[in-house]
Protein backbone atom coordinates (compact mmCIF):
# COMPACT_ATOMS: atom_id res chain seq x y z
CA MET A 1 2.95 -2.96 -14.75
CA ALA A 2 2.33 0.58 -15.93
CA LEU A 3 2.09 1.89 -12.37
CA SER A 4 4.80 4.32 -11.37
CA ILE A 5 5.17 6.58 -8.35
CA SER A 6 6.07 10.20 -9.06
CA SER A 7 8.65 11.67 -6.73
CA PRO A 8 8.29 13.46 -4.42
CA VAL A 9 5.32 11.88 -2.67
CA THR A 10 3.24 14.19 -0.49
CA GLY A 11 2.41 12.29 2.65
CA GLY A 12 -0.72 12.61 4.75
CA ALA A 13 -0.41 14.96 7.72
CA GLN A 14 0.52 13.29 11.00
CA THR A 15 1.21 14.56 14.49
CA GLY A 16 4.79 15.84 14.16
CA PHE A 17 4.66 15.66 10.33
CA THR A 18 2.64 18.66 9.19
CA SER A 19 3.73 18.78 5.53
CA PRO A 20 5.67 15.57 4.85
CA VAL A 21 7.31 15.12 1.46
CA TYR A 22 9.15 11.90 0.58
CA THR A 23 11.66 11.64 -2.26
CA VAL A 24 11.47 8.09 -3.60
CA LEU A 25 13.72 6.25 -6.03
CA ALA A 26 13.09 3.01 -7.87
CA ASP A 27 14.45 0.01 -6.02
CA SER A 28 15.12 -3.53 -7.21
CA ASN A 29 11.77 -5.19 -7.69
CA PRO A 30 11.12 -7.82 -5.00
CA ASP A 31 9.54 -10.15 -7.59
CA ASN A 32 8.55 -10.14 -11.26
CA ASN A 33 4.97 -9.15 -10.34
CA ALA A 34 5.95 -6.20 -8.12
CA LYS A 35 7.56 -2.77 -8.18
CA GLN A 36 9.34 -1.16 -5.27
CA TRP A 37 10.60 2.30 -4.32
CA TYR A 38 12.69 3.45 -1.35
CA VAL A 39 12.77 6.77 0.50
CA SER A 40 15.98 8.67 -0.23
CA ALA A 41 15.07 12.03 1.34
CA VAL A 42 12.41 13.52 3.60
CA GLY A 43 11.27 17.13 3.60
CA GLY A 44 8.52 19.31 5.00
CA ALA A 45 7.86 20.65 8.45
CA GLY A 46 8.26 18.32 11.39
CA ASN A 47 10.27 15.33 12.50
CA THR A 48 12.74 13.61 10.20
CA PRO A 49 12.75 9.80 10.22
CA ALA A 50 15.77 7.73 9.26
CA LEU A 51 16.10 7.28 5.51
CA HIS A 52 16.17 3.90 3.80
CA SER A 53 19.17 1.71 4.53
CA ALA A 54 19.85 -2.02 4.60
CA SER A 55 19.39 -2.20 8.38
CA VAL A 56 16.57 0.38 8.67
CA PRO A 57 14.44 0.03 5.54
CA PHE A 58 11.91 2.63 4.36
CA PHE A 59 10.15 1.44 1.22
CA THR A 60 6.84 0.93 -0.51
CA SER A 61 5.95 -1.73 -3.06
CA VAL A 62 2.97 -2.59 -5.25
CA TRP A 63 2.12 -6.19 -6.14
CA LYS A 64 -0.23 -7.69 -8.73
CA PRO A 65 -1.32 -11.32 -9.07
CA LYS A 66 1.30 -13.57 -10.66
CA VAL A 67 -1.46 -15.32 -12.58
CA PHE A 68 -4.82 -13.65 -13.05
CA GLN A 69 -7.80 -15.87 -12.26
CA ALA A 70 -10.61 -16.16 -14.80
CA LEU A 71 -14.27 -16.87 -14.35
CA GLY A 72 -15.51 -20.40 -14.81
CA LYS A 73 -18.66 -21.34 -16.66
CA PRO A 74 -22.08 -20.67 -15.17
CA HIS A 75 -24.07 -23.66 -13.87
CA PRO A 76 -25.91 -25.21 -16.83
CA VAL A 77 -29.28 -25.24 -15.05
CA THR A 78 -29.27 -22.15 -12.81
CA GLY A 79 -27.00 -19.96 -14.92
CA LEU A 80 -25.21 -18.85 -11.73
CA LEU A 81 -21.48 -18.87 -11.20
CA THR A 82 -20.61 -21.43 -8.53
CA ASN A 83 -17.14 -20.02 -7.94
CA VAL A 84 -15.84 -16.49 -8.40
CA PRO A 85 -12.07 -16.43 -7.88
CA MET A 86 -10.36 -13.31 -6.54
CA ASN A 87 -7.38 -11.47 -8.01
CA GLN A 88 -5.35 -9.90 -5.21
CA PHE A 89 -3.31 -6.72 -5.48
CA LYS A 90 -1.39 -5.37 -2.50
CA ILE A 91 0.49 -2.29 -1.45
CA VAL A 92 3.14 -2.83 1.20
CA THR A 93 5.06 -0.13 3.05
CA GLY A 94 7.88 -1.00 5.44
CA LYS A 95 9.81 1.22 7.84
CA GLY A 96 12.51 0.17 10.25
CA ALA A 97 11.71 1.21 13.82
CA VAL A 98 13.73 0.83 16.99
CA PRO A 99 11.72 -1.12 19.62
CA LEU A 100 13.93 0.06 22.51
CA ALA A 101 16.87 2.47 22.69
CA GLY A 102 20.10 0.65 21.87
CA GLN A 103 18.31 -2.22 20.15
CA PRO A 104 18.45 -3.01 16.43
CA ALA A 105 15.57 -1.82 14.26
CA LYS A 106 12.72 -4.15 13.35
CA THR A 107 10.66 -3.49 10.22
CA SER A 108 7.07 -2.35 10.72
CA VAL A 109 4.86 -3.41 7.81
CA ILE A 110 1.65 -1.79 6.55
CA ARG A 111 -0.39 -3.77 4.02
CA SER A 112 -3.40 -2.76 1.99
CA LEU A 113 -4.91 -5.77 0.21
CA ILE A 114 -7.27 -5.35 -2.72
CA ASP A 115 -9.31 -8.47 -3.59
CA ILE A 116 -11.06 -8.06 -6.96
CA PRO A 117 -13.61 -10.61 -8.15
CA ALA A 118 -12.48 -12.05 -11.48
CA GLY A 119 -14.50 -10.48 -14.27
CA ALA A 120 -15.45 -7.35 -12.31
CA ASP A 121 -12.67 -5.44 -14.07
CA VAL A 122 -14.71 -5.76 -17.28
CA ALA A 123 -18.29 -6.01 -15.98
CA ASP A 124 -18.20 -3.27 -13.32
CA ALA A 125 -15.04 -1.16 -13.55
CA VAL A 126 -16.95 1.85 -12.18
CA ALA A 127 -17.65 0.03 -8.91
CA LEU A 128 -13.99 -0.95 -8.53
CA ARG A 129 -12.79 2.60 -9.16
CA ALA A 130 -15.36 3.97 -6.70
CA ALA A 131 -14.28 1.50 -4.00
CA LEU A 132 -10.61 2.40 -4.46
CA SER A 133 -11.41 6.10 -4.49
CA LEU A 134 -13.25 5.83 -1.17
CA HIS A 135 -10.56 3.59 0.39
CA ILE A 136 -7.73 5.95 -0.52
CA GLY A 137 -9.78 8.97 0.53
CA VAL A 138 -10.49 7.45 3.94
CA LEU A 139 -6.79 6.62 4.43
CA TRP A 140 -5.84 10.17 3.42
CA GLN A 141 -8.50 11.73 5.65
CA LEU A 142 -7.63 9.53 8.64
CA SER A 143 -3.84 9.77 8.25
CA ALA A 144 -3.20 11.69 11.47
CA GLU A 145 -5.87 9.81 13.40
CA LEU A 146 -4.45 6.43 12.35
CA GLY A 147 -0.97 7.58 13.40
CA ASN A 148 -2.29 8.72 16.79
CA SER A 149 -4.22 5.45 17.18
CA VAL A 150 -1.16 3.31 16.41
CA VAL A 151 0.87 5.25 18.98
CA SER A 152 -1.81 5.50 21.70
CA GLY A 153 -3.55 2.15 21.17
CA THR A 154 -6.98 3.78 21.03
CA ILE A 155 -9.49 4.32 18.20
């Protein structure tokens, strides 16, 4: 994959993290269809979470389909596709978090799944780029609100 994360990564503002900056380094890839980076340093104003370690991980990874699905042939009479397979990409971020003082950390996992209809990458790339642009923009805009919601249990 040509995708690469530039370090440092500017994080979205959160309560207690007003200007977060994460230094990331390439990690061992979790599979041949994925890339992974771990957080080696945190900067910016605010709280400082534990950095990546074996027992308290702090990482992000990007996955692509192992085998891309292709479109089948249209129905001979109607000309319509009877089955449109999906190619799934995913972004996974994990961070060890202590559930109770004195207890070992458990890894919290955040997943963003991107299901792309086979063929849309060629037939309607503009729509795919627009959808991703909006999705990422909403996540960026709602960063603090999502953090508050996860902590308070309200939306």
